[in-house]
PDB file of N, CA and C in Angstrom:
ATOM      1  N   MET A   1       8.004 -12.726   9.847  1.00  0.00           N
ATOM      2  CA  MET A   1       7.448 -11.686   9.049  1.00  0.00           C
ATOM      3  C   MET A   1       6.909 -10.790  10.486  1.00  0.00           C
ATOM      4  N   SER A   2       7.151  -9.288  10.192  1.00  0.00           N
ATOM      5  CA  SER A   2       6.908  -8.347  10.814  1.00  0.00           C
ATOM      6  C   SER A   2       5.950  -7.560  10.494  1.00  0.00           C
ATOM      7  N   VAL A   3       4.977  -6.871  11.333  1.00  0.00           N
ATOM      8  CA  VAL A   3       4.173  -6.184  10.779  1.00  0.00           C
ATOM      9  C   VAL A   3       4.240  -4.736  11.326  1.00  0.00           C
ATOM     10  N   LEU A   4       4.601  -3.650  10.872  1.00  0.00           N
ATOM     11  CA  LEU A   4       4.999  -2.478  10.974  1.00  0.00           C
ATOM     12  C   LEU A   4       3.677  -1.410  10.806  1.00  0.00           C
ATOM     13  N   PRO A   5       2.906  -1.586  11.897  1.00  0.00           N
ATOM     14  CA  PRO A   5       1.629  -0.254  11.577  1.00  0.00           C
ATOM     15  C   PRO A   5       1.781   0.797  11.575  1.00  0.00           C
ATOM     16  N   ALA A   6       0.923   1.628  10.622  1.00  0.00           N
ATOM     17  CA  ALA A   6       0.821   3.216  10.484  1.00  0.00           C
ATOM     18  C   ALA A   6      -0.299   3.806  10.821  1.00  0.00           C
ATOM     19  N   THR A   7      -0.785   4.624  11.333  1.00  0.00           N
ATOM     20  CA  THR A   7      -2.377   5.124  11.191  1.00  0.00           C
ATOM     21  C   THR A   7      -2.423   6.325  10.179  1.00  0.00           C
ATOM     22  N   THR A   8      -1.331   6.851  10.041  1.00  0.00           N
ATOM     23  CA  THR A   8      -1.426   8.122   9.083  1.00  0.00           C
ATOM     24  C   THR A   8      -0.459   7.900   7.841  1.00  0.00           C
ATOM     25  N   GLY A   9      -0.755   8.610   6.875  1.00  0.00           N
ATOM     26  CA  GLY A   9      -0.090   8.686   5.646  1.00  0.00           C
ATOM     27  C   GLY A   9       1.372   8.875   6.332  1.00  0.00           C
ATOM     28  N   ARG A  10       1.654  10.076   6.525  1.00  0.00           N
ATOM     29  CA  ARG A  10       2.970  10.125   6.754  1.00  0.00           C
ATOM     30  C   ARG A  10       3.674   9.349   7.600  1.00  0.00           C
ATOM     31  N   GLU A  11       2.961   8.802   8.497  1.00  0.00           N
ATOM     32  CA  GLU A  11       3.724   7.653   9.279  1.00  0.00           C
ATOM     33  C   GLU A  11       4.233   6.543   8.521  1.00  0.00           C
ATOM     34  N   ALA A  12       3.224   6.128   7.590  1.00  0.00           N
ATOM     35  CA  ALA A  12       3.452   5.139   6.844  1.00  0.00           C
ATOM     36  C   ALA A  12       4.610   5.516   5.596  1.00  0.00           C
ATOM     37  N   ILE A  13       4.891   6.807   5.092  1.00  0.00           N
ATOM     38  CA  ILE A  13       6.061   6.969   4.376  1.00  0.00           C
ATOM     39  C   ILE A  13       7.207   6.945   5.266  1.00  0.00           C
ATOM     40  N   GLU A  14       7.031   7.636   6.272  1.00  0.00           N
ATOM     41  CA  GLU A  14       8.388   7.412   7.094  1.00  0.00           C
ATOM     42  C   GLU A  14       8.872   6.222   7.628  1.00  0.00           C
ATOM     43  N   LEU A  15       8.156   5.198   7.889  1.00  0.00           N
ATOM     44  CA  LEU A  15       8.255   3.763   8.165  1.00  0.00           C
ATOM     45  C   LEU A  15       8.732   3.072   6.843  1.00  0.00           C
ATOM     46  N   ALA A  16       8.203   3.300   5.785  1.00  0.00           N
ATOM     47  CA  ALA A  16       8.980   2.461   4.496  1.00  0.00           C
ATOM     48  C   ALA A  16      10.239   2.974   4.280  1.00  0.00           C
ATOM     49  N   ARG A  17      10.395   4.423   4.527  1.00  0.00           N
ATOM     50  CA  ARG A  17      11.534   4.883   4.223  1.00  0.00           C
ATOM     51  C   ARG A  17      12.984   4.574   4.920  1.00  0.00           C
ATOM     52  N   ARG A  18      12.475   4.148   6.355  1.00  0.00           N
ATOM     53  CA  ARG A  18      13.428   4.106   7.410  1.00  0.00           C
ATOM     54  C   ARG A  18      13.781   2.133   7.512  1.00  0.00           C
ATOM     55  N   GLU A  19      12.507   1.556   7.160  1.00  0.00           N
ATOM     56  CA  GLU A  19      12.595   0.116   7.524  1.00  0.00           C
ATOM     57  C   GLU A  19      12.605  -0.777   6.232  1.00  0.00           C
ATOM     58  N   HIS A  20      12.496   0.044   5.120  1.00  0.00           N
ATOM     59  CA  HIS A  20      12.365  -0.282   3.834  1.00  0.00           C
ATOM     60  C   HIS A  20      11.680  -2.172   3.958  1.00  0.00           C
ATOM     61  N   PRO A  21      10.452  -2.040   4.197  1.00  0.00           N
ATOM     62  CA  PRO A  21       9.862  -3.283   4.133  1.00  0.00           C
ATOM     63  C   PRO A  21       9.431  -4.209   2.976  1.00  0.00           C
ATOM     64  N   ASP A  22       9.185  -5.503   2.988  1.00  0.00           N
ATOM     65  CA  ASP A  22       9.285  -6.379   1.905  1.00  0.00           C
ATOM     66  C   ASP A  22       7.694  -5.913   1.201  1.00  0.00           C
ATOM     67  N   LEU A  23       6.633  -5.555   1.872  1.00  0.00           N
ATOM     68  CA  LEU A  23       5.564  -5.099   1.127  1.00  0.00           C
ATOM     69  C   LEU A  23       4.971  -4.168   1.999  1.00  0.00           C
ATOM     70  N   VAL A  24       4.244  -3.109   1.397  1.00  0.00           N
ATOM     71  CA  VAL A  24       3.498  -2.138   1.826  1.00  0.00           C
ATOM     72  C   VAL A  24       1.891  -2.381   1.418  1.00  0.00           C
ATOM     73  N   VAL A  25       1.009  -2.592   2.540  1.00  0.00           N
ATOM     74  CA  VAL A  25      -0.222  -2.837   2.578  1.00  0.00           C
ATOM     75  C   VAL A  25      -0.820  -1.619   2.734  1.00  0.00           C
ATOM     76  N   LEU A  26      -1.689  -0.992   2.036  1.00  0.00           N
ATOM     77  CA  LEU A  26      -2.112   0.512   2.291  1.00  0.00           C
ATOM     78  C   LEU A  26      -3.357   0.636   2.223  1.00  0.00           C
ATOM     79  N   ASP A  27      -3.989   1.053   2.869  1.00  0.00           N
ATOM     80  CA  ASP A  27      -5.331   1.679   2.980  1.00  0.00           C
ATOM     81  C   ASP A  27      -5.581   3.188   2.013  1.00  0.00           C
ATOM     82  N   LEU A  28      -6.583   3.068   1.150  1.00  0.00           N
ATOM     83  CA  LEU A  28      -6.519   4.148   0.692  1.00  0.00           C
ATOM     84  C   LEU A  28      -6.922   5.600   1.058  1.00  0.00           C
ATOM     85  N   HIS A  29      -7.695   5.130   2.196  1.00  0.00           N
ATOM     86  CA  HIS A  29      -8.312   6.306   3.265  1.00  0.00           C
ATOM     87  C   HIS A  29      -7.738   6.411   4.716  1.00  0.00           C
ATOM     88  N   LEU A  30      -6.601   7.173   4.738  1.00  0.00           N
ATOM     89  CA  LEU A  30      -6.111   7.588   6.124  1.00  0.00           C
ATOM     90  C   LEU A  30      -6.538   8.873   6.339  1.00  0.00           C
ATOM     91  N   PRO A  31      -6.513   9.255   7.651  1.00  0.00           N
ATOM     92  CA  PRO A  31      -6.750  10.456   8.131  1.00  0.00           C
ATOM     93  C   PRO A  31      -6.287  11.614   7.551  1.00  0.00           C
ATOM     94  N   ASP A  32      -4.928  11.762   7.149  1.00  0.00           N
ATOM     95  CA  ASP A  32      -4.085  12.766   7.256  1.00  0.00           C
ATOM     96  C   ASP A  32      -3.713  12.740   5.404  1.00  0.00           C
ATOM     97  N   MET A  33      -3.974  12.121   4.818  1.00  0.00           N
ATOM     98  CA  MET A  33      -3.640  12.151   3.196  1.00  0.00           C
ATOM     99  C   MET A  33      -4.254  11.056   2.538  1.00  0.00           C
ATOM    100  N   GLY A  34      -4.420  11.132   1.339  1.00  0.00           N
ATOM    101  CA  GLY A  34      -5.649   9.922   0.450  1.00  0.00           C
ATOM    102  C   GLY A  34      -4.390   9.052  -0.010  1.00  0.00           C
ATOM    103  N   GLY A  35      -4.720   7.794  -0.186  1.00  0.00           N
ATOM    104  CA  GLY A  35      -4.042   6.862  -0.897  1.00  0.00           C
ATOM    105  C   GLY A  35      -2.865   7.243  -1.894  1.00  0.00           C
ATOM    106  N   ALA A  36      -3.633   7.820  -2.856  1.00  0.00           N
ATOM    107  CA  ALA A  36      -2.920   8.032  -4.296  1.00  0.00           C
ATOM    108  C   ALA A  36      -1.718   9.097  -3.977  1.00  0.00           C
ATOM    109  N   GLU A  37      -1.865   9.954  -3.157  1.00  0.00           N
ATOM    110  CA  GLU A  37      -0.901  10.713  -2.520  1.00  0.00           C
ATOM    111  C   GLU A  37       0.289  10.095  -2.058  1.00  0.00           C
ATOM    112  N   ILE A  38       0.001   9.018  -1.064  1.00  0.00           N
ATOM    113  CA  ILE A  38       1.161   8.436  -0.473  1.00  0.00           C
ATOM    114  C   ILE A  38       1.565   7.467  -1.622  1.00  0.00           C
ATOM    115  N   VAL A  39       0.821   6.480  -2.381  1.00  0.00           N
ATOM    116  CA  VAL A  39       1.424   5.920  -3.553  1.00  0.00           C
ATOM    117  C   VAL A  39       2.432   6.784  -4.307  1.00  0.00           C
ATOM    118  N   SER A  40       2.059   7.887  -4.676  1.00  0.00           N
ATOM    119  CA  SER A  40       2.840   8.437  -5.363  1.00  0.00           C
ATOM    120  C   SER A  40       4.228   8.992  -4.682  1.00  0.00           C
ATOM    121  N   GLN A  41       4.051   9.434  -3.394  1.00  0.00           N
ATOM    122  CA  GLN A  41       5.540   9.490  -2.820  1.00  0.00           C
ATOM    123  C   GLN A  41       6.340   8.421  -2.548  1.00  0.00           C
ATOM    124  N   LEU A  42       5.683   7.497  -2.555  1.00  0.00           N
ATOM    125  CA  LEU A  42       6.363   6.133  -2.136  1.00  0.00           C
ATOM    126  C   LEU A  42       7.189   5.663  -3.564  1.00  0.00           C
ATOM    127  N   LEU A  43       6.297   5.976  -4.595  1.00  0.00           N
ATOM    128  CA  LEU A  43       6.922   5.708  -5.914  1.00  0.00           C
ATOM    129  C   LEU A  43       7.792   6.540  -6.364  1.00  0.00           C
ATOM    130  N   GLN A  44       7.831   7.591  -6.210  1.00  0.00           N
ATOM    131  CA  GLN A  44       8.782   8.609  -6.565  1.00  0.00           C
ATOM    132  C   GLN A  44      10.205   8.927  -5.619  1.00  0.00           C
ATOM    133  N   ASP A  45      10.133   8.207  -4.482  1.00  0.00           N
ATOM    134  CA  ASP A  45      11.155   8.541  -3.722  1.00  0.00           C
ATOM    135  C   ASP A  45      12.155   6.968  -4.129  1.00  0.00           C
ATOM    136  N   PRO A  46      13.500   6.974  -4.291  1.00  0.00           N
ATOM    137  CA  PRO A  46      14.509   6.340  -4.563  1.00  0.00           C
ATOM    138  C   PRO A  46      14.472   5.059  -3.614  1.00  0.00           C
ATOM    139  N   THR A  47      14.285   5.356  -2.425  1.00  0.00           N
ATOM    140  CA  THR A  47      14.385   4.485  -1.195  1.00  0.00           C
ATOM    141  C   THR A  47      13.444   3.699  -0.877  1.00  0.00           C
ATOM    142  N   THR A  48      12.059   3.963  -1.432  1.00  0.00           N
ATOM    143  CA  THR A  48      11.083   3.440  -1.406  1.00  0.00           C
ATOM    144  C   THR A  48      10.374   2.975  -2.854  1.00  0.00           C
ATOM    145  N   ALA A  49      10.713   3.324  -3.823  1.00  0.00           N
ATOM    146  CA  ALA A  49      10.308   2.777  -5.239  1.00  0.00           C
ATOM    147  C   ALA A  49       9.948   1.647  -5.577  1.00  0.00           C
ATOM    148  N   GLU A  50      11.098   0.759  -4.951  1.00  0.00           N
ATOM    149  CA  GLU A  50      11.008  -0.757  -5.271  1.00  0.00           C
ATOM    150  C   GLU A  50      10.152  -1.520  -4.709  1.00  0.00           C
ATOM    151  N   ILE A  51       9.677  -1.071  -3.283  1.00  0.00           N
ATOM    152  CA  ILE A  51       8.889  -1.830  -2.438  1.00  0.00           C
ATOM    153  C   ILE A  51       7.308  -2.056  -3.254  1.00  0.00           C
ATOM    154  N   PRO A  52       7.011  -3.241  -3.160  1.00  0.00           N
ATOM    155  CA  PRO A  52       5.683  -3.275  -3.678  1.00  0.00           C
ATOM    156  C   PRO A  52       4.675  -2.898  -2.843  1.00  0.00           C
ATOM    157  N   ILE A  53       3.488  -2.397  -3.669  1.00  0.00           N
ATOM    158  CA  ILE A  53       2.149  -1.842  -2.615  1.00  0.00           C
ATOM    159  C   ILE A  53       1.214  -2.543  -3.134  1.00  0.00           C
ATOM    160  N   VAL A  54       0.227  -2.858  -2.015  1.00  0.00           N
ATOM    161  CA  VAL A  54      -1.161  -3.514  -2.494  1.00  0.00           C
ATOM    162  C   VAL A  54      -1.754  -2.564  -1.527  1.00  0.00           C
ATOM    163  N   ILE A  55      -3.116  -2.275  -2.107  1.00  0.00           N
ATOM    164  CA  ILE A  55      -4.049  -1.271  -1.684  1.00  0.00           C
ATOM    165  C   ILE A  55      -5.183  -2.364  -0.949  1.00  0.00           C
ATOM    166  N   THR A  56      -5.901  -1.428  -0.282  1.00  0.00           N
ATOM    167  CA  THR A  56      -7.213  -1.885   0.197  1.00  0.00           C
ATOM    168  C   THR A  56      -8.329  -0.794   0.224  1.00  0.00           C
ATOM    169  N   THR A  57      -9.293  -1.103  -0.143  1.00  0.00           N
ATOM    170  CA  THR A  57     -10.414  -0.366  -0.594  1.00  0.00           C
ATOM    171  C   THR A  57     -11.772  -1.026  -0.226  1.00  0.00           C
ATOM    172  N   GLY A  58     -12.619  -0.202   0.099  1.00  0.00           N
ATOM    173  CA  GLY A  58     -13.796  -0.514   0.082  1.00  0.00           C
ATOM    174  C   GLY A  58     -14.772   0.514  -0.539  1.00  0.00           C
ATOM    175  N   GLY A  59     -14.254   0.734  -1.719  1.00  0.00           N
ATOM    176  CA  GLY A  59     -14.814   1.626  -2.760  1.00  0.00           C
ATOM    177  C   GLY A  59     -14.344   2.423  -3.249  1.00  0.00           C
ATOM    178  N   ALA A  60     -13.348   2.079  -4.189  1.00  0.00           N
ATOM    179  CA  ALA A  60     -12.547   3.280  -4.906  1.00  0.00           C
ATOM    180  C   ALA A  60     -13.267   4.193  -5.569  1.00  0.00           C
ATOM    181  N   ALA A  61     -12.992   5.523  -5.906  1.00  0.00           N
ATOM    182  CA  ALA A  61     -13.724   6.450  -6.914  1.00  0.00           C
ATOM    183  C   ALA A  61     -13.536   5.522  -8.423  1.00  0.00           C
ATOM    184  N   ALA A  62     -14.462   5.815  -9.130  1.00  0.00           N
ATOM    185  CA  ALA A  62     -14.340   5.215 -10.647  1.00  0.00           C
ATOM    186  C   ALA A  62     -13.046   5.598 -11.300  1.00  0.00           C
ATOM    187  N   GLY A  63     -12.292   4.546 -11.821  1.00  0.00           N
ATOM    188  CA  GLY A  63     -11.276   5.047 -12.343  1.00  0.00           C
ATOM    189  C   GLY A  63      -9.988   4.771 -11.274  1.00  0.00           C
ATOM    190  N   GLU A  64      -9.996   4.916 -10.273  1.00  0.00           N
ATOM    191  CA  GLU A  64      -8.806   5.251  -9.275  1.00  0.00           C
ATOM    192  C   GLU A  64      -8.211   3.906  -9.247  1.00  0.00           C
ATOM    193  N   LEU A  65      -8.795   2.918  -9.217  1.00  0.00           N
ATOM    194  CA  LEU A  65      -8.127   1.672  -8.960  1.00  0.00           C
ATOM    195  C   LEU A  65      -7.184   1.449 -10.358  1.00  0.00           C
ATOM    196  N   GLU A  66      -7.714   1.668 -11.636  1.00  0.00           N
ATOM    197  CA  GLU A  66      -6.974   1.497 -12.683  1.00  0.00           C
ATOM    198  C   GLU A  66      -5.819   2.663 -12.691  1.00  0.00           C
ATOM    199  N   ARG A  67      -5.973   3.931 -12.320  1.00  0.00           N
ATOM    200  CA  ARG A  67      -5.158   4.787 -12.039  1.00  0.00           C
ATOM    201  C   ARG A  67      -3.641   4.346 -11.377  1.00  0.00           C
ATOM    202  N   LEU A  68      -4.271   3.926 -10.090  1.00  0.00           N
ATOM    203  CA  LEU A  68      -3.099   3.516  -9.143  1.00  0.00           C
ATOM    204  C   LEU A  68      -2.234   2.018  -9.613  1.00  0.00           C
ATOM    205  N   LEU A  69      -2.892   1.324 -10.217  1.00  0.00           N
ATOM    206  CA  LEU A  69      -2.215  -0.006 -10.848  1.00  0.00           C
ATOM    207  C   LEU A  69      -1.490   0.607 -12.089  1.00  0.00           C
ATOM    208  N   ALA A  70      -1.914   1.299 -12.839  1.00  0.00           N
ATOM    209  CA  ALA A  70      -1.069   1.978 -14.002  1.00  0.00           C
ATOM    210  C   ALA A  70       0.121   2.374 -13.389  1.00  0.00           C
ATOM    211  N   ALA A  71       0.199   3.273 -12.398  1.00  0.00           N
ATOM    212  CA  ALA A  71       1.208   3.835 -11.562  1.00  0.00           C
ATOM    213  C   ALA A  71       2.092   3.045 -10.952  1.00  0.00           C
ATOM    214  N   GLY A  72       1.808   1.728 -10.786  1.00  0.00           N
ATOM    215  CA  GLY A  72       2.887   1.054 -10.110  1.00  0.00           C
ATOM    216  C   GLY A  72       2.340   0.151  -9.078  1.00  0.00           C
ATOM    217  N   VAL A  73       0.939   0.440  -8.619  1.00  0.00           N
ATOM    218  CA  VAL A  73       0.488  -0.514  -7.294  1.00  0.00           C
ATOM    219  C   VAL A  73       0.429  -1.880  -8.029  1.00  0.00           C
ATOM    220  N   CYS A  74       0.820  -3.013  -7.107  1.00  0.00           N
ATOM    221  CA  CYS A  74       1.016  -4.476  -7.447  1.00  0.00           C
ATOM    222  C   CYS A  74      -0.443  -5.164  -7.498  1.00  0.00           C
ATOM    223  N   GLY A  75      -1.030  -4.420  -7.005  1.00  0.00           N
ATOM    224  CA  GLY A  75      -2.828  -5.238  -6.486  1.00  0.00           C
ATOM    225  C   GLY A  75      -3.452  -4.598  -5.425  1.00  0.00           C
ATOM    226  N   TYR A  76      -4.596  -5.160  -5.376  1.00  0.00           N
ATOM    227  CA  TYR A  76      -5.589  -4.674  -4.522  1.00  0.00           C
ATOM    228  C   TYR A  76      -6.352  -5.471  -3.886  1.00  0.00           C
ATOM    229  N   LEU A  77      -6.982  -5.184  -2.743  1.00  0.00           N
ATOM    230  CA  LEU A  77      -8.014  -5.922  -1.915  1.00  0.00           C
ATOM    231  C   LEU A  77      -9.170  -5.329  -1.483  1.00  0.00           C
ATOM    232  N   GLU A  78     -10.040  -6.002  -1.685  1.00  0.00           N
ATOM    233  CA  GLU A  78     -11.341  -5.099  -1.523  1.00  0.00           C
ATOM    234  C   GLU A  78     -11.841  -5.533  -0.180  1.00  0.00           C
ATOM    235  N   LYS A  79     -12.317  -4.288   0.666  1.00  0.00           N
ATOM    236  CA  LYS A  79     -13.125  -4.663   2.154  1.00  0.00           C
ATOM    237  C   LYS A  79     -14.488  -5.152   1.891  1.00  0.00           C
ATOM    238  N   PRO A  80     -14.935  -5.821   2.930  1.00  0.00           N
ATOM    239  CA  PRO A  80     -14.205  -6.637   4.259  1.00  0.00           C
ATOM    240  C   PRO A  80     -12.977  -7.288   3.398  1.00  0.00           C
ATOM    241  N   LEU A  81     -11.873  -7.289   4.337  1.00  0.00           N
ATOM    242  CA  LEU A  81     -10.777  -8.317   3.813  1.00  0.00           C
ATOM    243  C   LEU A  81     -10.886  -9.445   3.886  1.00  0.00           C
ATOM    244  N   ASP A  82     -10.654 -10.365   3.261  1.00  0.00           N
ATOM    245  CA  ASP A  82     -10.833 -11.916   3.151  1.00  0.00           C
ATOM    246  C   ASP A  82      -9.371 -12.295   3.570  1.00  0.00           C
ATOM    247  N   PHE A  83      -9.204 -12.560   4.812  1.00  0.00           N
ATOM    248  CA  PHE A  83      -8.021 -12.685   5.671  1.00  0.00           C
ATOM    249  C   PHE A  83      -7.093 -13.823   5.098  1.00  0.00           C
ATOM    250  N   GLY A  84      -7.727 -14.871   4.434  1.00  0.00           N
ATOM    251  CA  GLY A  84      -6.919 -15.943   3.689  1.00  0.00           C
ATOM    252  C   GLY A  84      -6.389 -15.145   2.721  1.00  0.00           C
ATOM    253  N   ARG A  85      -7.149 -14.309   1.823  1.00  0.00           N
ATOM    254  CA  ARG A  85      -6.537 -13.859   0.588  1.00  0.00           C
ATOM    255  C   ARG A  85      -5.359 -12.882   1.147  1.00  0.00           C
ATOM    256  N   LEU A  86      -5.552 -12.357   2.001  1.00  0.00           N
ATOM    257  CA  LEU A  86      -4.573 -11.415   2.390  1.00  0.00           C
ATOM    258  C   LEU A  86      -3.206 -11.993   2.762  1.00  0.00           C
ATOM    259  N   ARG A  87      -3.211 -13.260   3.562  1.00  0.00           N
ATOM    260  CA  ARG A  87      -2.354 -13.985   3.758  1.00  0.00           C
ATOM    261  C   ARG A  87      -1.264 -14.431   2.286  1.00  0.00           C
ATOM    262  N   GLU A  88      -2.326 -14.915   1.551  1.00  0.00           N
ATOM    263  CA  GLU A  88      -1.895 -15.494   0.209  1.00  0.00           C
ATOM    264  C   GLU A  88      -0.939 -14.423  -0.610  1.00  0.00           C
ATOM    265  N   VAL A  89      -1.457 -12.995  -0.514  1.00  0.00           N
ATOM    266  CA  VAL A  89      -1.071 -11.791  -1.003  1.00  0.00           C
ATOM    267  C   VAL A  89       0.572 -11.646  -0.338  1.00  0.00           C
ATOM    268  N   VAL A  90       0.346 -11.473   0.960  1.00  0.00           N
ATOM    269  CA  VAL A  90       1.556 -11.281   1.725  1.00  0.00           C
ATOM    270  C   VAL A  90       2.627 -12.290   1.393  1.00  0.00           C
ATOM    271  N   SER A  91       2.234 -13.582   1.478  1.00  0.00           N
ATOM    272  CA  SER A  91       3.123 -14.567   1.414  1.00  0.00           C
ATOM    273  C   SER A  91       3.637 -14.553  -0.240  1.00  0.00           C
ATOM    274  N   SER A  92       3.037 -14.207  -1.074  1.00  0.00           N
ATOM    275  CA  SER A  92       3.667 -13.952  -2.307  1.00  0.00           C
ATOM    276  C   SER A  92       4.557 -13.248  -2.647  1.00  0.00           C
ATOM    277  N   PHE A  93       4.767 -11.941  -1.774  1.00  0.00           N
ATOM    278  CA  PHE A  93       5.547 -10.969  -1.856  1.00  0.00           C
ATOM    279  C   PHE A  93       6.998 -11.013  -0.908  1.00  0.00           C
ATOM    280  N   ARG A  94       6.717 -12.001  -0.362  1.00  0.00           N
ATOM    281  CA  ARG A  94       7.971 -12.264   1.005  1.00  0.00           C
ATOM    282  C   ARG A  94       9.518 -12.932   0.641  1.00  0.00           C
ATOM    283  N   THR A  95      10.507 -12.348   0.624  1.00  0.00           N
ATOM    284  CA  THR A  95      11.751 -12.545   0.323  1.00  0.00           C
ATOM    285  C   THR A  95      12.347 -13.471   1.092  1.00  0.00           C
TER     286      THR A  95
END
């Protein structure tokens, strides 16, 4: 298993398009774009639409998690992250 870190939304989208990872673990609060915009771009692009997305959040706005899950996000992890739970989630998406 490899981890491909991205520090901006734009970089995350480009990495997902180029590398087609087994899973995207996405923080909702990146410096250049909101998580909902990143999710939308990934899900609308045919090259990334099938990649599962799990979001991390330290307090999403009311209704935001529900909207993202309805849009196609596979799950979410609350911050501070429980690394045991993170390992479980990542393992469940490995191919």
